[in-house]
Amino acid sequence: MHKDDIAILLEEKYQNLFNWLEQHDIERWETGPEGKWTTGQQTLHLLQSIKPLNMALSLPKFILKFKFGKSNRAVRDYDAIANRYLERLKDVKGKTFKGSQNMKMPSIKEKQYLLNRLQIESKKLQHKTKKWKDKDLDNLILPHPLMGKMPIRELLMWTAYHVEHHTNTLKEQY
């Protein structure tokens, strides 16, 4: 997938989420299905997952190459990444990773702040996606807590799918 298409996909997936969250009953921000995250926690989780990616994409490329290495395989397509993610989710059986363990419950007062922050971070990511060179998107890798090391292009596509996955969960269960 071309980097401009990824940026458009990111914009589309985040906009779908924002549209749903804006329409969602504010009283339900602090609730969720039994044993599941609240709507606020879902939003916080998405913010926690995009911030490190934006931070990494701000680093000099030689640091990323030194710290994480280079890809040794071809880039997977969007569907392959999504399917692999769903398989990995089944394998971990609901376990959460570092940034989202013991997550606090955002209050209704924090809703607008979190939505604004997530919107800013998503716009940053779209902008950075377009600025990167194709060879760097394909060759440089970053670690993902569930998926392992991934070429940055794949990580960007995964981010779009991750937002879609959580948006669908919210639409179906909340």
N, C-alpha and C. Protein backbone atom coordinates (compact mmCIF):
# COMPACT_ATOMS: atom_id res chain seq x y z
N MET A 1 0.85 -1.17 0.00
CA MET A 1 0.00 0.00 0.00
C MET A 1 0.90 1.24 0.00
N HIS A 2 0.59 2.17 -0.86
CA HIS A 2 1.37 3.40 -0.97
C HIS A 2 1.20 4.26 0.28
N LYS A 3 2.22 5.02 0.63
CA LYS A 3 2.18 5.82 1.86
C LYS A 3 1.04 6.83 1.87
N ASP A 4 0.72 7.42 0.73
CA ASP A 4 -0.41 8.36 0.69
C ASP A 4 -1.73 7.64 0.96
N ASP A 5 -1.84 6.41 0.47
CA ASP A 5 -3.03 5.62 0.73
C ASP A 5 -3.14 5.23 2.20
N ILE A 6 -1.99 4.97 2.82
CA ILE A 6 -1.99 4.66 4.25
C ILE A 6 -2.44 5.89 5.04
N ALA A 7 -1.95 7.06 4.68
CA ALA A 7 -2.35 8.29 5.37
C ALA A 7 -3.85 8.52 5.24
N ILE A 8 -4.39 8.27 4.05
CA ILE A 8 -5.84 8.41 3.83
C ILE A 8 -6.60 7.38 4.66
N LEU A 9 -6.09 6.15 4.70
CA LEU A 9 -6.71 5.09 5.49
C LEU A 9 -6.72 5.45 6.97
N LEU A 10 -5.60 5.96 7.47
CA LEU A 10 -5.53 6.39 8.87
C LEU A 10 -6.57 7.47 9.14
N GLU A 11 -6.65 8.44 8.26
CA GLU A 11 -7.63 9.52 8.44
C GLU A 11 -9.05 8.97 8.48
N GLU A 12 -9.35 8.06 7.56
CA GLU A 12 -10.69 7.47 7.49
C GLU A 12 -11.02 6.68 8.76
N LYS A 13 -10.09 5.85 9.21
CA LYS A 13 -10.35 5.01 10.39
C LYS A 13 -10.52 5.86 11.65
N TYR A 14 -9.66 6.85 11.81
CA TYR A 14 -9.80 7.73 12.98
C TYR A 14 -11.08 8.56 12.90
N GLN A 15 -11.44 9.04 11.72
CA GLN A 15 -12.66 9.84 11.59
C GLN A 15 -13.89 9.00 11.93
N ASN A 16 -13.90 7.74 11.51
CA ASN A 16 -15.01 6.84 11.87
C ASN A 16 -15.12 6.71 13.39
N LEU A 17 -13.98 6.57 14.04
CA LEU A 17 -13.97 6.49 15.51
C LEU A 17 -14.49 7.78 16.12
N PHE A 18 -13.96 8.92 15.68
CA PHE A 18 -14.38 10.20 16.25
C PHE A 18 -15.88 10.44 16.04
N ASN A 19 -16.37 10.11 14.86
CA ASN A 19 -17.80 10.28 14.59
C ASN A 19 -18.63 9.45 15.56
N TRP A 20 -18.23 8.20 15.79
CA TRP A 20 -18.97 7.34 16.70
C TRP A 20 -18.89 7.89 18.13
N LEU A 21 -17.70 8.29 18.57
CA LEU A 21 -17.54 8.79 19.93
C LEU A 21 -18.33 10.07 20.17
N GLU A 22 -18.43 10.92 19.16
CA GLU A 22 -19.21 12.16 19.30
C GLU A 22 -20.70 11.87 19.45
N GLN A 23 -21.18 10.82 18.81
CA GLN A 23 -22.60 10.45 18.87
C GLN A 23 -22.94 9.60 20.09
N HIS A 24 -21.92 9.00 20.66
CA HIS A 24 -22.11 8.08 21.79
C HIS A 24 -22.60 8.83 23.02
N ASP A 25 -23.55 8.27 23.71
CA ASP A 25 -24.13 8.87 24.91
C ASP A 25 -23.03 9.12 25.95
N ILE A 26 -22.87 10.36 26.37
CA ILE A 26 -21.80 10.74 27.28
C ILE A 26 -21.86 9.96 28.60
N GLU A 27 -23.06 9.61 29.04
CA GLU A 27 -23.20 8.86 30.29
C GLU A 27 -22.58 7.46 30.18
N ARG A 28 -22.37 7.00 28.95
CA ARG A 28 -21.83 5.66 28.76
C ARG A 28 -20.30 5.67 28.62
N TRP A 29 -19.67 6.85 28.73
CA TRP A 29 -18.22 6.99 28.63
C TRP A 29 -17.51 6.15 29.69
N GLU A 30 -18.10 6.08 30.87
CA GLU A 30 -17.47 5.39 32.00
C GLU A 30 -17.99 3.97 32.19
N THR A 31 -18.69 3.43 31.20
CA THR A 31 -19.21 2.07 31.31
C THR A 31 -18.76 1.23 30.13
N GLY A 32 -18.87 -0.05 30.29
CA GLY A 32 -18.56 -1.00 29.24
C GLY A 32 -19.15 -2.34 29.60
N PRO A 33 -19.06 -3.30 28.70
CA PRO A 33 -19.53 -4.65 29.01
C PRO A 33 -18.79 -5.22 30.22
N GLU A 34 -19.42 -6.13 30.88
CA GLU A 34 -18.84 -6.78 32.07
C GLU A 34 -17.42 -7.29 31.79
N GLY A 35 -16.48 -6.86 32.59
CA GLY A 35 -15.10 -7.33 32.47
C GLY A 35 -14.32 -6.73 31.31
N LYS A 36 -14.89 -5.75 30.62
CA LYS A 36 -14.23 -5.13 29.47
C LYS A 36 -13.91 -3.67 29.80
N TRP A 37 -13.05 -3.08 28.98
CA TRP A 37 -12.73 -1.67 29.15
C TRP A 37 -13.96 -0.81 28.92
N THR A 38 -13.97 0.36 29.55
CA THR A 38 -15.02 1.35 29.29
C THR A 38 -14.74 2.02 27.96
N THR A 39 -15.68 2.82 27.49
CA THR A 39 -15.46 3.59 26.27
C THR A 39 -14.26 4.50 26.45
N GLY A 40 -14.17 5.14 27.62
CA GLY A 40 -13.03 6.01 27.91
C GLY A 40 -11.71 5.26 27.88
N GLN A 41 -11.68 4.07 28.43
CA GLN A 41 -10.45 3.27 28.43
C GLN A 41 -10.08 2.84 27.02
N GLN A 42 -11.06 2.53 26.20
CA GLN A 42 -10.77 2.18 24.80
C GLN A 42 -10.08 3.36 24.12
N THR A 43 -10.61 4.56 24.35
CA THR A 43 -10.05 5.78 23.76
C THR A 43 -8.64 6.03 24.28
N LEU A 44 -8.46 5.90 25.58
CA LEU A 44 -7.14 6.08 26.18
C LEU A 44 -6.14 5.07 25.61
N HIS A 45 -6.57 3.84 25.45
CA HIS A 45 -5.71 2.79 24.89
C HIS A 45 -5.24 3.17 23.48
N LEU A 46 -6.14 3.69 22.67
CA LEU A 46 -5.75 4.09 21.31
C LEU A 46 -4.76 5.25 21.34
N LEU A 47 -4.95 6.16 22.28
CA LEU A 47 -3.99 7.26 22.43
C LEU A 47 -2.64 6.73 22.90
N GLN A 48 -2.65 5.80 23.85
CA GLN A 48 -1.40 5.22 24.35
C GLN A 48 -0.67 4.43 23.27
N SER A 49 -1.39 3.91 22.30
CA SER A 49 -0.73 3.11 21.27
C SER A 49 -0.16 3.97 20.13
N ILE A 50 -0.71 5.15 19.90
CA ILE A 50 -0.23 5.98 18.80
C ILE A 50 0.93 6.89 19.23
N LYS A 51 0.96 7.29 20.48
CA LYS A 51 2.00 8.23 20.93
C LYS A 51 3.41 7.68 20.77
N PRO A 52 3.69 6.44 21.16
CA PRO A 52 5.06 5.92 20.96
C PRO A 52 5.45 5.82 19.49
N LEU A 53 4.49 5.53 18.62
CA LEU A 53 4.78 5.45 17.19
C LEU A 53 5.15 6.84 16.66
N ASN A 54 4.39 7.84 17.04
CA ASN A 54 4.72 9.20 16.63
C ASN A 54 6.09 9.62 17.15
N MET A 55 6.38 9.24 18.38
CA MET A 55 7.67 9.57 18.96
C MET A 55 8.80 8.89 18.18
N ALA A 56 8.62 7.62 17.87
CA ALA A 56 9.65 6.88 17.14
C ALA A 56 9.86 7.47 15.74
N LEU A 57 8.78 7.88 15.09
CA LEU A 57 8.90 8.43 13.75
C LEU A 57 9.52 9.83 13.75
N SER A 58 9.69 10.41 14.92
CA SER A 58 10.36 11.70 15.05
C SER A 58 11.87 11.56 15.25
N LEU A 59 12.31 10.36 15.56
CA LEU A 59 13.74 10.12 15.81
C LEU A 59 14.51 10.08 14.48
N PRO A 60 15.79 10.39 14.54
CA PRO A 60 16.61 10.22 13.33
C PRO A 60 16.60 8.75 12.90
N LYS A 61 16.56 8.55 11.61
CA LYS A 61 16.45 7.19 11.08
C LYS A 61 17.64 6.31 11.45
N PHE A 62 18.83 6.90 11.55
CA PHE A 62 19.99 6.08 11.90
C PHE A 62 19.86 5.52 13.32
N ILE A 63 19.17 6.22 14.19
CA ILE A 63 18.95 5.71 15.56
C ILE A 63 18.01 4.51 15.52
N LEU A 64 16.94 4.61 14.73
CA LEU A 64 16.01 3.47 14.61
C LEU A 64 16.72 2.26 14.02
N LYS A 65 17.54 2.50 13.00
CA LYS A 65 18.28 1.40 12.37
C LYS A 65 19.24 0.77 13.36
N PHE A 66 19.95 1.59 14.13
CA PHE A 66 20.90 1.09 15.11
C PHE A 66 20.20 0.31 16.22
N LYS A 67 19.11 0.86 16.72
CA LYS A 67 18.43 0.26 17.86
C LYS A 67 17.61 -0.98 17.50
N PHE A 68 16.93 -0.95 16.33
CA PHE A 68 16.01 -2.05 16.01
C PHE A 68 16.39 -2.86 14.78
N GLY A 69 17.29 -2.36 13.95
CA GLY A 69 17.73 -3.11 12.78
C GLY A 69 16.92 -2.80 11.54
N LYS A 70 17.12 -3.69 10.55
CA LYS A 70 16.44 -3.54 9.25
C LYS A 70 15.59 -4.77 8.99
N SER A 71 14.61 -4.59 8.16
CA SER A 71 13.72 -5.68 7.81
C SER A 71 14.46 -6.71 6.94
N ASN A 72 14.12 -7.96 7.15
CA ASN A 72 14.72 -9.04 6.34
C ASN A 72 13.68 -9.79 5.53
N ARG A 73 12.54 -9.13 5.29
CA ARG A 73 11.46 -9.78 4.54
C ARG A 73 10.64 -8.73 3.80
N ALA A 74 9.80 -9.21 2.90
CA ALA A 74 8.91 -8.32 2.15
C ALA A 74 7.79 -7.81 3.06
N VAL A 75 7.28 -6.65 2.73
CA VAL A 75 6.19 -6.05 3.50
C VAL A 75 4.89 -6.80 3.21
N ARG A 76 4.14 -7.09 4.28
CA ARG A 76 2.83 -7.74 4.14
C ARG A 76 1.78 -6.71 3.75
N ASP A 77 0.66 -7.19 3.20
CA ASP A 77 -0.42 -6.27 2.86
C ASP A 77 -1.36 -6.09 4.07
N TYR A 78 -2.28 -5.16 3.93
CA TYR A 78 -3.19 -4.79 5.01
C TYR A 78 -3.96 -5.99 5.56
N ASP A 79 -4.54 -6.78 4.67
CA ASP A 79 -5.34 -7.93 5.12
C ASP A 79 -4.49 -8.95 5.86
N ALA A 80 -3.27 -9.19 5.40
CA ALA A 80 -2.39 -10.14 6.08
C ALA A 80 -2.03 -9.64 7.48
N ILE A 81 -1.80 -8.34 7.61
CA ILE A 81 -1.48 -7.76 8.92
C ILE A 81 -2.68 -7.88 9.85
N ALA A 82 -3.87 -7.55 9.35
CA ALA A 82 -5.08 -7.64 10.16
C ALA A 82 -5.32 -9.07 10.62
N ASN A 83 -5.18 -10.03 9.71
CA ASN A 83 -5.41 -11.44 10.06
C ASN A 83 -4.38 -11.93 11.08
N ARG A 84 -3.15 -11.52 10.90
CA ARG A 84 -2.10 -11.92 11.84
C ARG A 84 -2.38 -11.33 13.22
N TYR A 85 -2.82 -10.09 13.28
CA TYR A 85 -3.16 -9.45 14.54
C TYR A 85 -4.30 -10.20 15.24
N LEU A 86 -5.34 -10.56 14.50
CA LEU A 86 -6.46 -11.28 15.10
C LEU A 86 -6.02 -12.64 15.62
N GLU A 87 -5.13 -13.32 14.89
CA GLU A 87 -4.59 -14.61 15.36
C GLU A 87 -3.82 -14.42 16.66
N ARG A 88 -2.98 -13.40 16.70
CA ARG A 88 -2.19 -13.13 17.90
C ARG A 88 -3.08 -12.77 19.09
N LEU A 89 -4.15 -12.03 18.84
CA LEU A 89 -5.08 -11.69 19.92
C LEU A 89 -5.70 -12.96 20.52
N LYS A 90 -6.05 -13.91 19.66
CA LYS A 90 -6.60 -15.18 20.16
C LYS A 90 -5.57 -15.90 21.03
N ASP A 91 -4.32 -15.88 20.59
CA ASP A 91 -3.25 -16.58 21.32
C ASP A 91 -3.04 -16.02 22.72
N VAL A 92 -3.18 -14.70 22.90
CA VAL A 92 -2.91 -14.11 24.21
C VAL A 92 -4.14 -14.08 25.10
N LYS A 93 -5.29 -14.45 24.55
CA LYS A 93 -6.52 -14.62 25.33
C LYS A 93 -6.85 -13.42 26.23
N GLY A 94 -6.82 -12.22 25.65
CA GLY A 94 -7.24 -11.04 26.40
C GLY A 94 -6.18 -10.37 27.25
N LYS A 95 -4.97 -10.90 27.25
CA LYS A 95 -3.90 -10.28 28.03
C LYS A 95 -3.61 -8.90 27.46
N THR A 96 -3.36 -7.94 28.33
CA THR A 96 -2.98 -6.61 27.88
C THR A 96 -1.49 -6.40 28.12
N PHE A 97 -0.92 -5.46 27.39
CA PHE A 97 0.51 -5.23 27.45
C PHE A 97 0.83 -3.94 28.18
N LYS A 98 2.08 -3.75 28.43
CA LYS A 98 2.65 -2.70 29.26
C LYS A 98 1.82 -1.42 29.38
N GLY A 99 1.66 -0.68 28.29
CA GLY A 99 1.01 0.62 28.37
C GLY A 99 -0.45 0.59 28.78
N SER A 100 -1.11 -0.54 28.57
CA SER A 100 -2.55 -0.60 28.84
C SER A 100 -2.91 -1.52 30.01
N GLN A 101 -1.93 -1.96 30.77
CA GLN A 101 -2.24 -2.75 31.95
C GLN A 101 -2.66 -1.83 33.08
N ASN A 102 -3.59 -2.29 33.90
CA ASN A 102 -4.05 -1.51 35.05
C ASN A 102 -4.40 -0.08 34.65
N MET A 103 -5.09 0.05 33.54
CA MET A 103 -5.42 1.35 33.00
C MET A 103 -6.43 2.07 33.88
N LYS A 104 -6.17 3.35 34.12
CA LYS A 104 -7.13 4.14 34.89
C LYS A 104 -8.38 4.36 34.05
N MET A 105 -9.46 4.68 34.72
CA MET A 105 -10.70 4.94 34.01
C MET A 105 -10.84 6.45 33.81
N PRO A 106 -10.76 6.92 32.56
CA PRO A 106 -10.93 8.35 32.32
C PRO A 106 -12.35 8.80 32.66
N SER A 107 -12.45 9.94 33.32
CA SER A 107 -13.76 10.47 33.69
C SER A 107 -14.39 11.19 32.50
N ILE A 108 -15.66 11.50 32.64
CA ILE A 108 -16.38 12.24 31.61
C ILE A 108 -15.69 13.58 31.37
N LYS A 109 -15.16 14.18 32.43
CA LYS A 109 -14.47 15.47 32.32
C LYS A 109 -13.26 15.38 31.39
N GLU A 110 -12.67 14.20 31.30
CA GLU A 110 -11.47 14.01 30.48
C GLU A 110 -11.78 13.67 29.02
N LYS A 111 -13.04 13.44 28.71
CA LYS A 111 -13.41 12.97 27.37
C LYS A 111 -12.90 13.91 26.28
N GLN A 112 -13.24 15.18 26.36
CA GLN A 112 -12.87 16.12 25.30
C GLN A 112 -11.36 16.24 25.18
N TYR A 113 -10.68 16.24 26.33
CA TYR A 113 -9.21 16.31 26.30
C TYR A 113 -8.63 15.10 25.56
N LEU A 114 -9.10 13.91 25.90
CA LEU A 114 -8.59 12.69 25.25
C LEU A 114 -8.90 12.68 23.76
N LEU A 115 -10.11 13.09 23.40
CA LEU A 115 -10.46 13.14 21.98
C LEU A 115 -9.58 14.15 21.23
N ASN A 116 -9.35 15.30 21.84
CA ASN A 116 -8.47 16.30 21.21
C ASN A 116 -7.05 15.76 21.05
N ARG A 117 -6.53 15.12 22.09
CA ARG A 117 -5.17 14.57 22.02
C ARG A 117 -5.08 13.49 20.95
N LEU A 118 -6.08 12.62 20.90
CA LEU A 118 -6.07 11.55 19.91
C LEU A 118 -6.18 12.12 18.49
N GLN A 119 -6.96 13.16 18.34
CA GLN A 119 -7.08 13.80 17.03
C GLN A 119 -5.76 14.43 16.60
N ILE A 120 -5.09 15.09 17.52
CA ILE A 120 -3.80 15.71 17.23
C ILE A 120 -2.77 14.64 16.87
N GLU A 121 -2.71 13.58 17.65
CA GLU A 121 -1.75 12.50 17.39
C GLU A 121 -2.04 11.81 16.06
N SER A 122 -3.31 11.64 15.73
CA SER A 122 -3.64 10.98 14.46
C SER A 122 -3.24 11.86 13.28
N LYS A 123 -3.44 13.17 13.39
CA LYS A 123 -3.03 14.09 12.32
C LYS A 123 -1.50 14.10 12.17
N LYS A 124 -0.80 14.06 13.31
CA LYS A 124 0.68 13.99 13.27
C LYS A 124 1.12 12.74 12.52
N LEU A 125 0.48 11.62 12.83
CA LEU A 125 0.86 10.36 12.20
C LEU A 125 0.60 10.39 10.69
N GLN A 126 -0.52 10.95 10.30
CA GLN A 126 -0.82 11.05 8.87
C GLN A 126 0.24 11.91 8.17
N HIS A 127 0.61 13.00 8.79
CA HIS A 127 1.61 13.90 8.22
C HIS A 127 2.98 13.20 8.12
N LYS A 128 3.38 12.53 9.18
CA LYS A 128 4.67 11.84 9.18
C LYS A 128 4.70 10.71 8.16
N THR A 129 3.60 10.03 8.00
CA THR A 129 3.51 8.93 7.03
C THR A 129 3.85 9.43 5.63
N LYS A 130 3.31 10.58 5.28
CA LYS A 130 3.54 11.14 3.94
C LYS A 130 4.97 11.63 3.75
N LYS A 131 5.62 12.04 4.84
CA LYS A 131 6.96 12.62 4.74
C LYS A 131 8.07 11.57 4.62
N TRP A 132 7.82 10.37 5.10
CA TRP A 132 8.86 9.35 5.09
C TRP A 132 9.11 8.84 3.67
N LYS A 133 10.34 8.45 3.41
CA LYS A 133 10.69 7.85 2.12
C LYS A 133 10.20 6.40 2.10
N ASP A 134 9.77 5.95 0.92
CA ASP A 134 9.27 4.58 0.79
C ASP A 134 10.29 3.55 1.24
N LYS A 135 11.54 3.72 0.85
CA LYS A 135 12.55 2.72 1.22
C LYS A 135 12.71 2.63 2.74
N ASP A 136 12.58 3.75 3.44
CA ASP A 136 12.69 3.73 4.90
C ASP A 136 11.46 3.08 5.53
N LEU A 137 10.29 3.34 4.97
CA LEU A 137 9.07 2.69 5.49
C LEU A 137 9.16 1.17 5.37
N ASP A 138 9.79 0.70 4.31
CA ASP A 138 9.90 -0.74 4.06
C ASP A 138 11.07 -1.39 4.79
N ASN A 139 12.15 -0.66 4.99
CA ASN A 139 13.37 -1.26 5.53
C ASN A 139 13.56 -1.09 7.03
N LEU A 140 13.13 0.02 7.58
CA LEU A 140 13.31 0.23 9.02
C LEU A 140 12.19 -0.47 9.78
N ILE A 141 12.54 -1.00 10.93
CA ILE A 141 11.56 -1.75 11.72
C ILE A 141 11.42 -1.16 13.11
N LEU A 142 10.29 -1.44 13.71
CA LEU A 142 10.01 -1.06 15.09
C LEU A 142 9.37 -2.25 15.78
N PRO A 143 9.56 -2.37 17.09
CA PRO A 143 8.93 -3.48 17.82
C PRO A 143 7.48 -3.17 18.15
N HIS A 144 6.67 -4.21 18.11
CA HIS A 144 5.27 -4.14 18.53
C HIS A 144 5.11 -5.17 19.64
N PRO A 145 4.44 -4.82 20.74
CA PRO A 145 4.37 -5.76 21.88
C PRO A 145 3.70 -7.10 21.58
N LEU A 146 2.80 -7.13 20.64
CA LEU A 146 2.10 -8.36 20.29
C LEU A 146 2.59 -8.97 18.99
N MET A 147 2.92 -8.14 18.03
CA MET A 147 3.24 -8.60 16.68
C MET A 147 4.74 -8.81 16.44
N GLY A 148 5.58 -8.37 17.36
CA GLY A 148 7.02 -8.47 17.15
C GLY A 148 7.53 -7.33 16.29
N LYS A 149 8.74 -7.47 15.78
CA LYS A 149 9.31 -6.41 14.95
C LYS A 149 8.60 -6.36 13.61
N MET A 150 8.30 -5.14 13.18
CA MET A 150 7.55 -4.95 11.94
C MET A 150 8.16 -3.80 11.15
N PRO A 151 8.18 -3.91 9.81
CA PRO A 151 8.55 -2.73 9.02
C PRO A 151 7.58 -1.59 9.34
N ILE A 152 8.07 -0.37 9.30
CA ILE A 152 7.24 0.77 9.67
C ILE A 152 5.99 0.87 8.81
N ARG A 153 6.09 0.55 7.53
CA ARG A 153 4.90 0.58 6.67
C ARG A 153 3.82 -0.35 7.24
N GLU A 154 4.21 -1.54 7.68
CA GLU A 154 3.25 -2.48 8.27
C GLU A 154 2.68 -1.93 9.57
N LEU A 155 3.52 -1.32 10.37
CA LEU A 155 3.06 -0.77 11.65
C LEU A 155 2.04 0.34 11.43
N LEU A 156 2.22 1.11 10.39
CA LEU A 156 1.24 2.15 10.06
C LEU A 156 -0.09 1.53 9.62
N MET A 157 0.00 0.48 8.80
CA MET A 157 -1.24 -0.21 8.39
C MET A 157 -1.90 -0.88 9.59
N TRP A 158 -1.09 -1.46 10.47
CA TRP A 158 -1.64 -2.08 11.68
C TRP A 158 -2.37 -1.03 12.52
N THR A 159 -1.79 0.16 12.62
CA THR A 159 -2.42 1.23 13.40
C THR A 159 -3.80 1.55 12.85
N ALA A 160 -3.92 1.62 11.54
CA ALA A 160 -5.23 1.86 10.92
C ALA A 160 -6.19 0.72 11.28
N TYR A 161 -5.70 -0.52 11.19
CA TYR A 161 -6.57 -1.65 11.51
C TYR A 161 -6.92 -1.65 13.00
N HIS A 162 -5.98 -1.30 13.85
CA HIS A 162 -6.20 -1.27 15.29
C HIS A 162 -7.35 -0.33 15.64
N VAL A 163 -7.37 0.83 15.02
CA VAL A 163 -8.45 1.79 15.24
C VAL A 163 -9.78 1.20 14.74
N GLU A 164 -9.74 0.59 13.56
CA GLU A 164 -10.95 -0.04 13.01
C GLU A 164 -11.46 -1.13 13.95
N HIS A 165 -10.55 -1.94 14.46
CA HIS A 165 -10.90 -3.04 15.36
C HIS A 165 -11.61 -2.51 16.61
N HIS A 166 -11.04 -1.47 17.22
CA HIS A 166 -11.65 -0.91 18.43
C HIS A 166 -12.96 -0.18 18.12
N THR A 167 -13.03 0.48 17.00
CA THR A 167 -14.27 1.16 16.60
C THR A 167 -15.39 0.12 16.41
N ASN A 168 -15.06 -0.98 15.75
CA ASN A 168 -16.06 -2.04 15.55
C ASN A 168 -16.50 -2.63 16.88
N THR A 169 -15.56 -2.84 17.79
CA THR A 169 -15.89 -3.36 19.11
C THR A 169 -16.84 -2.40 19.83
N LEU A 170 -16.52 -1.11 19.78
CA LEU A 170 -17.39 -0.12 20.42
C LEU A 170 -18.78 -0.13 19.80
N LYS A 171 -18.87 -0.17 18.49
CA LYS A 171 -20.16 -0.15 17.81
C LYS A 171 -20.99 -1.38 18.15
N GLU A 172 -20.34 -2.53 18.25
CA GLU A 172 -21.05 -3.79 18.49
C GLU A 172 -21.43 -4.01 19.94
N GLN A 173 -20.61 -3.53 20.89
CA GLN A 173 -20.80 -3.91 22.29
C GLN A 173 -21.14 -2.77 23.24
N TYR A 174 -21.06 -1.54 22.79
CA TYR A 174 -21.22 -0.43 23.73
C TYR A 174 -22.47 0.36 23.46
